Amino acid sequence: MQVNPYLTFNGECEAAFKFYEKCLGAKITFMMPHEGTPMSSHVPADWRKKILHASLQVGDRLLQGSDSPPDHYEKPAGFSVKLDPKDAAEAERVFSALAENGTVRMPLQETFWAE
């Protein structure tokens, strides 16, 4: 069995996955909007181009996600997605990219578990 993190978004899934693809050196392997699927009739007309399901290959792992319909979206809480860069230089590059418009809760620094 394999466990894959699944992120839900409030309309930003496509932009987020394209950003993750770029800054993580990953590859979007699947991205399907609601439009053209049986789910299209279950979302507002302005939501049909939003993402029903997306998959992002990050190394040998898969990150998946979708845009929850507006009346079903709940702001995520109580979870993390851990990244394991191969070295300090990659850690700096990815941290800087994610921190640019993100919220930094702990700056990149040496700890007892990492350089």
Protein backbone atom coordinates (compact mmCIF):
# COMPACT_ATOMS: atom_id res chain seq x y z
CA MET A 1 0.00 0.00 0.00
CA GLN A 2 1.16 3.53 -0.77
CA VAL A 3 -0.15 6.67 0.93
CA ASN A 4 -0.30 9.89 -1.10
CA PRO A 5 -1.05 13.33 0.36
CA TYR A 6 -4.18 14.87 -1.19
CA LEU A 7 -4.58 18.64 -1.00
CA THR A 8 -7.86 20.47 -1.47
CA PHE A 9 -7.99 24.02 -2.79
CA ASN A 10 -10.56 26.77 -3.05
CA GLY A 11 -10.06 27.38 -6.77
CA GLU A 12 -6.24 27.59 -6.88
CA CYS A 13 -5.30 23.94 -7.55
CA GLU A 14 -4.05 24.46 -11.11
CA ALA A 15 -1.89 27.47 -10.18
CA ALA A 16 -0.57 25.72 -7.07
CA PHE A 17 0.37 22.53 -8.92
CA LYS A 18 2.09 24.50 -11.70
CA PHE A 19 4.04 26.38 -9.02
CA TYR A 20 4.98 23.15 -7.20
CA GLU A 21 6.01 21.60 -10.52
CA LYS A 22 8.38 24.49 -11.14
CA CYS A 23 9.90 24.93 -7.70
CA LEU A 24 10.12 21.23 -6.80
CA GLY A 25 11.39 20.04 -10.17
CA ALA A 26 8.30 17.83 -10.33
CA LYS A 27 6.00 16.78 -13.19
CA ILE A 28 2.23 17.19 -13.46
CA THR A 29 1.11 13.78 -14.69
CA PHE A 30 -2.64 14.38 -14.67
CA MET A 31 -4.92 17.41 -14.48
CA MET A 32 -8.64 17.23 -15.20
CA PRO A 33 -11.11 20.09 -14.86
CA HIS A 34 -14.74 19.50 -13.87
CA GLU A 35 -15.73 20.59 -17.39
CA GLY A 36 -16.42 17.64 -19.68
CA THR A 37 -17.02 15.19 -16.83
CA PRO A 38 -20.22 13.99 -15.14
CA MET A 39 -19.25 16.26 -12.20
CA SER A 40 -19.66 19.36 -14.37
CA SER A 41 -23.36 19.60 -13.56
CA HIS A 42 -22.62 19.43 -9.82
CA VAL A 43 -20.58 22.64 -9.65
CA PRO A 44 -21.44 26.27 -10.48
CA ALA A 45 -20.87 27.27 -14.13
CA ASP A 46 -17.93 29.50 -13.15
CA TRP A 47 -16.33 26.54 -11.36
CA ARG A 48 -16.28 24.11 -14.31
CA LYS A 49 -12.73 24.99 -15.38
CA LYS A 50 -11.52 24.36 -11.82
CA ILE A 51 -9.65 21.13 -11.15
CA LEU A 52 -11.54 17.93 -10.38
CA HIS A 53 -8.32 15.94 -9.89
CA ALA A 54 -4.59 16.52 -10.35
CA SER A 55 -1.47 14.41 -9.79
CA LEU A 56 2.07 15.69 -9.41
CA GLN A 57 5.03 13.30 -9.53
CA VAL A 58 7.70 14.49 -7.08
CA GLY A 59 10.63 12.09 -7.33
CA ASP A 60 9.19 8.68 -6.53
CA ARG A 61 6.21 10.16 -4.65
CA LEU A 62 2.83 11.43 -5.77
CA LEU A 63 1.07 14.57 -4.54
CA GLN A 64 -2.57 14.81 -5.53
CA GLY A 65 -5.22 17.48 -5.20
CA SER A 66 -8.38 19.15 -6.43
CA ASP A 67 -10.56 22.22 -6.11
CA SER A 68 -13.42 21.52 -3.72
CA PRO A 69 -16.71 23.02 -4.85
CA PRO A 70 -17.33 26.31 -3.00
CA ASP A 71 -20.03 24.87 -0.74
CA HIS A 72 -17.78 21.92 0.27
CA TYR A 73 -14.45 23.67 0.80
CA GLU A 74 -13.00 23.70 4.31
CA LYS A 75 -9.73 25.43 5.07
CA PRO A 76 -7.16 22.68 5.79
CA ALA A 77 -5.80 22.47 9.32
CA GLY A 78 -3.62 20.09 11.24
CA PHE A 79 -1.43 18.59 8.54
CA SER A 80 1.96 19.03 6.88
CA VAL A 81 3.65 17.84 3.72
CA LYS A 82 7.30 17.00 4.39
CA LEU A 83 9.95 17.53 1.72
CA ASP A 84 13.32 15.75 1.75
CA PRO A 85 15.76 17.70 -0.44
CA LYS A 86 18.93 15.87 -1.45
CA ASP A 87 21.28 18.52 -0.05
CA ALA A 88 21.46 21.94 1.62
CA ALA A 89 21.58 23.83 -1.70
CA GLU A 90 18.34 22.21 -2.89
CA ALA A 91 16.77 22.89 0.52
CA GLU A 92 17.68 26.60 0.22
CA ARG A 93 16.31 26.83 -3.33
CA VAL A 94 12.98 25.15 -2.51
CA PHE A 95 12.57 26.97 0.81
CA SER A 96 13.16 30.34 -0.87
CA ALA A 97 10.64 29.57 -3.64
CA LEU A 98 7.95 28.44 -1.20
CA ALA A 99 8.64 31.26 1.27
CA GLU A 100 8.43 34.03 -1.33
CA ASN A 101 4.64 34.35 -1.11
CA GLY A 102 4.09 31.85 1.68
CA THR A 103 3.96 31.94 5.45
CA VAL A 104 7.17 30.86 7.14
CA ARG A 105 6.48 29.23 10.49
CA MET A 106 10.06 28.10 11.04
CA PRO A 107 13.01 29.58 9.16
CA LEU A 108 15.38 27.23 7.38
CA GLN A 109 18.08 26.52 9.94
CA GLU A 110 20.30 23.86 11.41
CA THR A 111 18.53 21.62 13.91
CA PHE A 112 19.44 18.53 15.87
CA TRP A 113 17.90 16.42 13.06
CA ALA A 114 19.38 18.26 10.04
CA GLU A 115 22.27 20.51 8.96
